[in-house]
C-alpha atoms as a PDB file:
ATOM      1  CA  MET A   1      -4.032  32.557 -24.523  1.00  0.00           C
ATOM      2  CA  GLU A   2      -4.784  35.813 -22.965  1.00  0.00           C
ATOM      3  CA  THR A   3      -3.104  39.002 -24.021  1.00  0.00           C
ATOM      4  CA  VAL A   4      -1.917  41.854 -21.559  1.00  0.00           C
ATOM      5  CA  GLY A   5      -0.100  44.887 -21.964  1.00  0.00           C
ATOM      6  CA  VAL A   6       2.942  45.842 -19.938  1.00  0.00           C
ATOM      7  CA  ARG A   7       0.999  48.343 -17.898  1.00  0.00           C
ATOM      8  CA  GLU A   8      -1.752  45.923 -17.241  1.00  0.00           C
ATOM      9  CA  LEU A   9       0.809  43.267 -16.192  1.00  0.00           C
ATOM     10  CA  LYS A  10       2.512  45.683 -13.950  1.00  0.00           C
ATOM     11  CA  ALA A  11      -0.890  46.342 -12.154  1.00  0.00           C
ATOM     12  CA  ARG A  12      -1.863  42.762 -12.087  1.00  0.00           C
ATOM     13  CA  ALA A  13       1.278  40.836 -11.736  1.00  0.00           C
ATOM     14  CA  SER A  14       0.436  38.822  -8.593  1.00  0.00           C
ATOM     15  CA  GLU A  15      -2.977  37.920 -10.004  1.00  0.00           C
ATOM     16  CA  ILE A  16      -1.577  36.698 -13.291  1.00  0.00           C
ATOM     17  CA  VAL A  17       1.261  34.895 -11.713  1.00  0.00           C
ATOM     18  CA  GLU A  18      -1.240  33.279  -9.525  1.00  0.00           C
ATOM     19  CA  ALA A  19      -3.480  32.139 -12.580  1.00  0.00           C
ATOM     20  CA  VAL A  20      -0.446  30.679 -14.246  1.00  0.00           C
ATOM     21  CA  GLN A  21       0.503  28.759 -11.254  1.00  0.00           C
ATOM     22  CA  THR A  22      -2.937  27.367 -10.188  1.00  0.00           C
ATOM     23  CA  GLU A  23      -4.792  27.433 -13.480  1.00  0.00           C
ATOM     24  CA  GLY A  24      -1.922  26.695 -16.040  1.00  0.00           C
ATOM     25  CA  LYS A  25      -2.914  29.980 -17.902  1.00  0.00           C
ATOM     26  CA  ARG A  26      -0.862  31.436 -20.438  1.00  0.00           C
ATOM     27  CA  TYR A  27      -0.293  34.930 -21.279  1.00  0.00           C
ATOM     28  CA  GLN A  28       1.176  36.992 -24.106  1.00  0.00           C
ATOM     29  CA  VAL A  29       2.682  40.308 -23.058  1.00  0.00           C
ATOM     30  CA  THR A  30       2.522  43.130 -25.343  1.00  0.00           C
ATOM     31  CA  LYS A  31       4.196  46.489 -25.583  1.00  0.00           C
ATOM     32  CA  ARG A  32       2.656  49.029 -27.707  1.00  0.00           C
ATOM     33  CA  GLY A  33       0.487  46.330 -29.071  1.00  0.00           C
ATOM     34  CA  LYS A  34       3.380  44.185 -30.244  1.00  0.00           C
ATOM     35  CA  PRO A  35       4.190  40.822 -28.701  1.00  0.00           C
ATOM     36  CA  VAL A  36       7.204  40.840 -26.433  1.00  0.00           C
ATOM     37  CA  ALA A  37       7.098  37.905 -24.082  1.00  0.00           C
ATOM     38  CA  LEU A  38       5.172  34.890 -23.016  1.00  0.00           C
ATOM     39  CA  ILE A  39       4.201  33.992 -19.335  1.00  0.00           C
ATOM     40  CA  ILE A  40       3.812  30.104 -19.314  1.00  0.00           C
ATOM     41  CA  PRO A  41       3.549  27.554 -16.405  1.00  0.00           C
ATOM     42  CA  ALA A  42       6.871  25.973 -15.430  1.00  0.00           C
ATOM     43  CA  HIS A  43       7.516  22.714 -13.587  1.00  0.00           C
ATOM     44  CA  ALA A  44       8.824  22.621  -9.993  1.00  0.00           C
ATOM     45  CA  ASP A  45      12.331  22.866 -11.436  1.00  0.00           C
ATOM     46  CA  GLY A  46      11.522  26.027 -13.225  1.00  0.00           C
ATOM     47  CA  LEU A  47      11.650  24.517 -16.714  1.00  0.00           C
ATOM     48  CA  PRO A  48       8.837  24.474 -19.277  1.00  0.00           C
ATOM     49  CA  ASP A  49       7.206  21.208 -19.848  1.00  0.00           C
ATOM     50  CA  SER A  50       9.280  19.121 -22.246  1.00  0.00           C
ATOM     51  CA  GLU A  51       6.255  18.596 -24.346  1.00  0.00           C
ATOM     52  CA  ASP A  52       6.182  22.453 -24.769  1.00  0.00           C
ATOM     53  CA  ILE A  53       9.921  22.488 -25.634  1.00  0.00           C
ATOM     54  CA  ASP A  54       9.510  19.743 -28.265  1.00  0.00           C
ATOM     55  CA  HIS A  55       6.484  21.507 -29.847  1.00  0.00           C
ATOM     56  CA  ASP A  56       8.428  24.759 -30.021  1.00  0.00           C
ATOM     57  CA  GLU A  57      11.443  23.087 -31.603  1.00  0.00           C
ATOM     58  CA  ARG A  58       9.228  21.447 -34.186  1.00  0.00           C
ATOM     59  CA  VAL A  59       7.618  24.576 -34.955  1.00  0.00           C
ATOM     60  CA  TRP A  60      10.906  26.502 -35.391  1.00  0.00           C
ATOM     61  CA  ALA A  61      12.189  23.693 -37.627  1.00  0.00           C
ATOM     62  CA  ASP A  62       9.059  23.884 -39.767  1.00  0.00           C
ATOM     63  CA  ILE A  63       9.584  27.659 -39.972  1.00  0.00           C
ATOM     64  CA  ASP A  64      13.297  27.048 -41.011  1.00  0.00           C
ATOM     65  CA  GLU A  65      12.136  24.551 -43.694  1.00  0.00           C
ATOM     66  CA  LEU A  66       9.634  27.058 -45.000  1.00  0.00           C
ATOM     67  CA  ALA A  67      12.173  29.808 -45.189  1.00  0.00           C
ATOM     68  CA  LYS A  68      14.603  27.376 -47.179  1.00  0.00           C
ATOM     69  CA  GLU A  69      11.807  26.511 -49.648  1.00  0.00           C
ATOM     70  CA  ILE A  70      10.823  30.048 -50.120  1.00  0.00           C
ATOM     71  CA  SER A  71      14.569  30.962 -50.706  1.00  0.00           C
ATOM     72  CA  ARG A  72      14.815  28.186 -53.295  1.00  0.00           C
ATOM     73  CA  ARG A  73      11.914  29.602 -55.282  1.00  0.00           C
ATOM     74  CA  TRP A  74      12.447  33.235 -54.752  1.00  0.00           C
ATOM     75  CA  PRO A  75      13.346  34.963 -58.154  1.00  0.00           C
ATOM     76  CA  LYS A  76      16.902  36.267 -58.264  1.00  0.00           C
ATOM     77  CA  GLY A  77      17.255  40.175 -57.972  1.00  0.00           C
ATOM     78  CA  VAL A  78      13.704  40.603 -56.623  1.00  0.00           C
ATOM     79  CA  SER A  79      13.320  42.198 -53.133  1.00  0.00           C
ATOM     80  CA  ALA A  80      10.438  41.542 -50.967  1.00  0.00           C
ATOM     81  CA  VAL A  81       9.228  45.002 -51.271  1.00  0.00           C
ATOM     82  CA  GLU A  82       9.252  44.719 -55.164  1.00  0.00           C
ATOM     83  CA  ALA A  83       7.270  41.376 -54.888  1.00  0.00           C
ATOM     84  CA  LEU A  84       4.645  42.917 -52.766  1.00  0.00           C
ATOM     85  CA  SER A  85       4.312  45.934 -54.851  1.00  0.00           C
ATOM     86  CA  ALA A  86       3.798  43.850 -57.905  1.00  0.00           C
ATOM     87  CA  ASP A  87       1.383  41.669 -56.146  1.00  0.00           C
ATOM     88  CA  ARG A  88      -0.737  44.674 -55.028  1.00  0.00           C
ATOM     89  CA  ARG A  89      -1.128  45.936 -58.649  1.00  0.00           C
END
């Protein structure tokens, strides 16, 4: 996936949309170096491919499960900052 900044997107919008439409390219849009959006191909009905939606839902479900597992194992009364500070020592 190619990354473009907001300013570059503004300057190349037509070219980028054409590449998405004709080549199926995907772009990650950044603002001040941080990801803020994705530009992905859509079907004729304007919706993402159902496989993409299924994949995204599975990824988020996996992330939710990981968060639950971390929560179960996280020591009571210890903040993330404290844990990182202790790990760095």
